[in-house]
Amino acid sequence: MNSINLVPEFNDKQLAVINEMDTNILLLVSSAAEQNTAESQENRRLVRH
């Protein structure tokens, strides 16, 4: 019975691209969170006044 490898093996160049994509996603999420926090603070400030 043949075993099937379900985990793909990537070469170094592919891993570098994947790693860069992961970093870009984290930067986008972080940036969106910061913007959301700033908007929330501004909204609370406007509600108070």
PDB file of N, CA and C in Angstrom:
ATOM      1  N   MET A   1       0.858  -1.198   0.000  1.00  0.00           N
ATOM      2  CA  MET A   1       0.000   0.000   0.000  1.00  0.00           C
ATOM      3  C   MET A   1       0.892   1.246   0.000  1.00  0.00           C
ATOM      4  N   ASN A   2       0.627   2.127  -0.937  1.00  0.00           N
ATOM      5  CA  ASN A   2       1.423   3.351  -1.035  1.00  0.00           C
ATOM      6  C   ASN A   2       0.927   4.377  -0.027  1.00  0.00           C
ATOM      7  N   SER A   3       1.865   5.022   0.645  1.00  0.00           N
ATOM      8  CA  SER A   3       1.478   6.102   1.549  1.00  0.00           C
ATOM      9  C   SER A   3       1.519   7.416   0.778  1.00  0.00           C
ATOM     10  N   ILE A   4       0.578   8.269   1.075  1.00  0.00           N
ATOM     11  CA  ILE A   4       0.496   9.566   0.394  1.00  0.00           C
ATOM     12  C   ILE A   4       0.971  10.647   1.359  1.00  0.00           C
ATOM     13  N   ASN A   5       1.930  11.444   0.904  1.00  0.00           N
ATOM     14  CA  ASN A   5       2.426  12.545   1.716  1.00  0.00           C
ATOM     15  C   ASN A   5       1.510  13.752   1.521  1.00  0.00           C
ATOM     16  N   LEU A   6       0.731  14.068   2.548  1.00  0.00           N
ATOM     17  CA  LEU A   6      -0.212  15.187   2.446  1.00  0.00           C
ATOM     18  C   LEU A   6       0.437  16.525   2.767  1.00  0.00           C
ATOM     19  N   VAL A   7       1.645  16.485   3.337  1.00  0.00           N
ATOM     20  CA  VAL A   7       2.342  17.723   3.663  1.00  0.00           C
ATOM     21  C   VAL A   7       3.272  18.072   2.507  1.00  0.00           C
ATOM     22  N   PRO A   8       3.001  19.182   1.817  1.00  0.00           N
ATOM     23  CA  PRO A   8       3.851  19.535   0.680  1.00  0.00           C
ATOM     24  C   PRO A   8       5.247  19.921   1.144  1.00  0.00           C
ATOM     25  N   GLU A   9       6.216  19.612   0.343  1.00  0.00           N
ATOM     26  CA  GLU A   9       7.590  20.018   0.646  1.00  0.00           C
ATOM     27  C   GLU A   9       7.948  21.196  -0.254  1.00  0.00           C
ATOM     28  N   PHE A  10       8.371  22.282   0.356  1.00  0.00           N
ATOM     29  CA  PHE A  10       8.705  23.490  -0.385  1.00  0.00           C
ATOM     30  C   PHE A  10      10.216  23.661  -0.454  1.00  0.00           C
ATOM     31  N   ASN A  11      10.667  24.219  -1.561  1.00  0.00           N
ATOM     32  CA  ASN A  11      12.098  24.540  -1.638  1.00  0.00           C
ATOM     33  C   ASN A  11      12.333  25.897  -0.966  1.00  0.00           C
ATOM     34  N   ASP A  12      13.602  26.274  -0.850  1.00  0.00           N
ATOM     35  CA  ASP A  12      13.946  27.492  -0.113  1.00  0.00           C
ATOM     36  C   ASP A  12      13.322  28.743  -0.709  1.00  0.00           C
ATOM     37  N   LYS A  13      13.262  28.808  -2.039  1.00  0.00           N
ATOM     38  CA  LYS A  13      12.694  29.995  -2.691  1.00  0.00           C
ATOM     39  C   LYS A  13      11.192  30.093  -2.395  1.00  0.00           C
ATOM     40  N   GLN A  14      10.516  28.944  -2.458  1.00  0.00           N
ATOM     41  CA  GLN A  14       9.078  28.941  -2.145  1.00  0.00           C
ATOM     42  C   GLN A  14       8.845  29.326  -0.687  1.00  0.00           C
ATOM     43  N   LEU A  15       9.680  28.798   0.202  1.00  0.00           N
ATOM     44  CA  LEU A  15       9.540  29.137   1.621  1.00  0.00           C
ATOM     45  C   LEU A  15       9.754  30.623   1.853  1.00  0.00           C
ATOM     46  N   ALA A  16      10.696  31.220   1.136  1.00  0.00           N
ATOM     47  CA  ALA A  16      10.949  32.651   1.277  1.00  0.00           C
ATOM     48  C   ALA A  16       9.728  33.459   0.851  1.00  0.00           C
ATOM     49  N   VAL A  17       9.094  33.043  -0.235  1.00  0.00           N
ATOM     50  CA  VAL A  17       7.891  33.742  -0.713  1.00  0.00           C
ATOM     51  C   VAL A  17       6.746  33.596   0.297  1.00  0.00           C
ATOM     52  N   ILE A  18       6.567  32.388   0.800  1.00  0.00           N
ATOM     53  CA  ILE A  18       5.513  32.144   1.795  1.00  0.00           C
ATOM     54  C   ILE A  18       5.764  32.972   3.044  1.00  0.00           C
ATOM     55  N   ASN A  19       7.022  33.006   3.479  1.00  0.00           N
ATOM     56  CA  ASN A  19       7.384  33.775   4.673  1.00  0.00           C
ATOM     57  C   ASN A  19       7.103  35.261   4.472  1.00  0.00           C
ATOM     58  N   GLU A  20       7.416  35.770   3.284  1.00  0.00           N
ATOM     59  CA  GLU A  20       7.159  37.182   2.979  1.00  0.00           C
ATOM     60  C   GLU A  20       5.662  37.470   2.970  1.00  0.00           C
ATOM     61  N   MET A  21       4.886  36.539   2.412  1.00  0.00           N
ATOM     62  CA  MET A  21       3.433  36.700   2.408  1.00  0.00           C
ATOM     63  C   MET A  21       2.891  36.730   3.835  1.00  0.00           C
ATOM     64  N   ASP A  22       3.384  35.826   4.678  1.00  0.00           N
ATOM     65  CA  ASP A  22       2.959  35.798   6.078  1.00  0.00           C
ATOM     66  C   ASP A  22       3.273  37.125   6.760  1.00  0.00           C
ATOM     67  N   THR A  23       4.468  37.649   6.508  1.00  0.00           N
ATOM     68  CA  THR A  23       4.880  38.920   7.108  1.00  0.00           C
ATOM     69  C   THR A  23       3.969  40.044   6.636  1.00  0.00           C
ATOM     70  N   ASN A  24       3.652  40.070   5.330  1.00  0.00           N
ATOM     71  CA  ASN A  24       2.775  41.113   4.794  1.00  0.00           C
ATOM     72  C   ASN A  24       1.384  41.029   5.396  1.00  0.00           C
ATOM     73  N   ILE A  25       0.884  39.805   5.585  1.00  0.00           N
ATOM     74  CA  ILE A  25      -0.435  39.631   6.198  1.00  0.00           C
ATOM     75  C   ILE A  25      -0.423  40.148   7.633  1.00  0.00           C
ATOM     76  N   LEU A  26       0.633  39.812   8.373  1.00  0.00           N
ATOM     77  CA  LEU A  26       0.735  40.298   9.754  1.00  0.00           C
ATOM     78  C   LEU A  26       0.800  41.819   9.804  1.00  0.00           C
ATOM     79  N   LEU A  27       1.538  42.434   8.872  1.00  0.00           N
ATOM     80  CA  LEU A  27       1.629  43.894   8.829  1.00  0.00           C
ATOM     81  C   LEU A  27       0.268  44.513   8.516  1.00  0.00           C
ATOM     82  N   LEU A  28      -0.468  43.905   7.589  1.00  0.00           N
ATOM     83  CA  LEU A  28      -1.800  44.409   7.249  1.00  0.00           C
ATOM     84  C   LEU A  28      -2.744  44.328   8.437  1.00  0.00           C
ATOM     85  N   VAL A  29      -2.729  43.195   9.123  1.00  0.00           N
ATOM     86  CA  VAL A  29      -3.609  43.004  10.277  1.00  0.00           C
ATOM     87  C   VAL A  29      -3.244  43.982  11.389  1.00  0.00           C
ATOM     88  N   SER A  30      -1.943  44.131  11.622  1.00  0.00           N
ATOM     89  CA  SER A  30      -1.468  45.049  12.654  1.00  0.00           C
ATOM     90  C   SER A  30      -1.868  46.486  12.332  1.00  0.00           C
ATOM     91  N   SER A  31      -1.697  46.868  11.076  1.00  0.00           N
ATOM     92  CA  SER A  31      -2.049  48.217  10.635  1.00  0.00           C
ATOM     93  C   SER A  31      -3.549  48.462  10.779  1.00  0.00           C
ATOM     94  N   ALA A  32      -4.348  47.475  10.392  1.00  0.00           N
ATOM     95  CA  ALA A  32      -5.802  47.605  10.506  1.00  0.00           C
ATOM     96  C   ALA A  32      -6.223  47.719  11.964  1.00  0.00           C
ATOM     97  N   ALA A  33      -5.564  46.956  12.830  1.00  0.00           N
ATOM     98  CA  ALA A  33      -5.887  47.014  14.261  1.00  0.00           C
ATOM     99  C   ALA A  33      -5.553  48.383  14.839  1.00  0.00           C
ATOM    100  N   GLU A  34      -4.405  48.934  14.448  1.00  0.00           N
ATOM    101  CA  GLU A  34      -4.019  50.265  14.927  1.00  0.00           C
ATOM    102  C   GLU A  34      -5.010  51.318  14.453  1.00  0.00           C
ATOM    103  N   GLN A  35      -5.411  51.224  13.193  1.00  0.00           N
ATOM    104  CA  GLN A  35      -6.360  52.189  12.646  1.00  0.00           C
ATOM    105  C   GLN A  35      -7.697  52.067  13.369  1.00  0.00           C
ATOM    106  N   ASN A  36      -8.119  50.836  13.626  1.00  0.00           N
ATOM    107  CA  ASN A  36      -9.377  50.590  14.317  1.00  0.00           C
ATOM    108  C   ASN A  36      -9.331  51.173  15.721  1.00  0.00           C
ATOM    109  N   THR A  37      -8.207  50.999  16.403  1.00  0.00           N
ATOM    110  CA  THR A  37      -8.046  51.545  17.753  1.00  0.00           C
ATOM    111  C   THR A  37      -8.122  53.066  17.728  1.00  0.00           C
ATOM    112  N   ALA A  38      -7.436  53.668  16.768  1.00  0.00           N
ATOM    113  CA  ALA A  38      -7.444  55.133  16.651  1.00  0.00           C
ATOM    114  C   ALA A  38      -8.858  55.644  16.370  1.00  0.00           C
ATOM    115  N   GLU A  39      -9.579  54.955  15.490  1.00  0.00           N
ATOM    116  CA  GLU A  39     -10.947  55.372  15.172  1.00  0.00           C
ATOM    117  C   GLU A  39     -11.863  55.202  16.381  1.00  0.00           C
ATOM    118  N   SER A  40     -11.676  54.124  17.118  1.00  0.00           N
ATOM    119  CA  SER A  40     -12.486  53.892  18.316  1.00  0.00           C
ATOM    120  C   SER A  40     -12.254  54.987  19.352  1.00  0.00           C
ATOM    121  N   GLN A  41     -10.970  55.359  19.529  1.00  0.00           N
ATOM    122  CA  GLN A  41     -10.648  56.420  20.486  1.00  0.00           C
ATOM    123  C   GLN A  41     -11.261  57.742  20.050  1.00  0.00           C
ATOM    124  N   GLU A  42     -11.199  58.021  18.751  1.00  0.00           N
ATOM    125  CA  GLU A  42     -11.780  59.261  18.229  1.00  0.00           C
ATOM    126  C   GLU A  42     -13.298  59.250  18.414  1.00  0.00           C
ATOM    127  N   ASN A  43     -13.930  58.102  18.162  1.00  0.00           N
ATOM    128  CA  ASN A  43     -15.383  57.999  18.339  1.00  0.00           C
ATOM    129  C   ASN A  43     -15.781  58.230  19.793  1.00  0.00           C
ATOM    130  N   ARG A  44     -15.010  57.656  20.714  1.00  0.00           N
ATOM    131  CA  ARG A  44     -15.316  57.861  22.140  1.00  0.00           C
ATOM    132  C   ARG A  44     -15.139  59.338  22.507  1.00  0.00           C
ATOM    133  N   ARG A  45     -14.107  59.964  21.946  1.00  0.00           N
ATOM    134  CA  ARG A  45     -13.863  61.385  22.228  1.00  0.00           C
ATOM    135  C   ARG A  45     -15.031  62.232  21.726  1.00  0.00           C
ATOM    136  N   LEU A  46     -15.528  61.891  20.531  1.00  0.00           N
ATOM    137  CA  LEU A  46     -16.640  62.656  19.957  1.00  0.00           C
ATOM    138  C   LEU A  46     -17.924  62.455  20.762  1.00  0.00           C
ATOM    139  N   VAL A  47     -18.130  61.245  21.255  1.00  0.00           N
ATOM    140  CA  VAL A  47     -19.342  60.957  22.031  1.00  0.00           C
ATOM    141  C   VAL A  47     -19.333  61.726  23.351  1.00  0.00           C
ATOM    142  N   ARG A  48     -18.146  61.845  23.943  1.00  0.00           N
ATOM    143  CA  ARG A  48     -18.041  62.538  25.235  1.00  0.00           C
ATOM    144  C   ARG A  48     -18.331  64.033  25.111  1.00  0.00           C
ATOM    145  N   HIS A  49     -18.015  64.620  23.945  1.00  0.00           N
ATOM    146  CA  HIS A  49     -18.159  66.077  23.804  1.00  0.00           C
ATOM    147  C   HIS A  49     -19.480  66.455  23.179  1.00  0.00           C
TER     148      HIS A  49
END
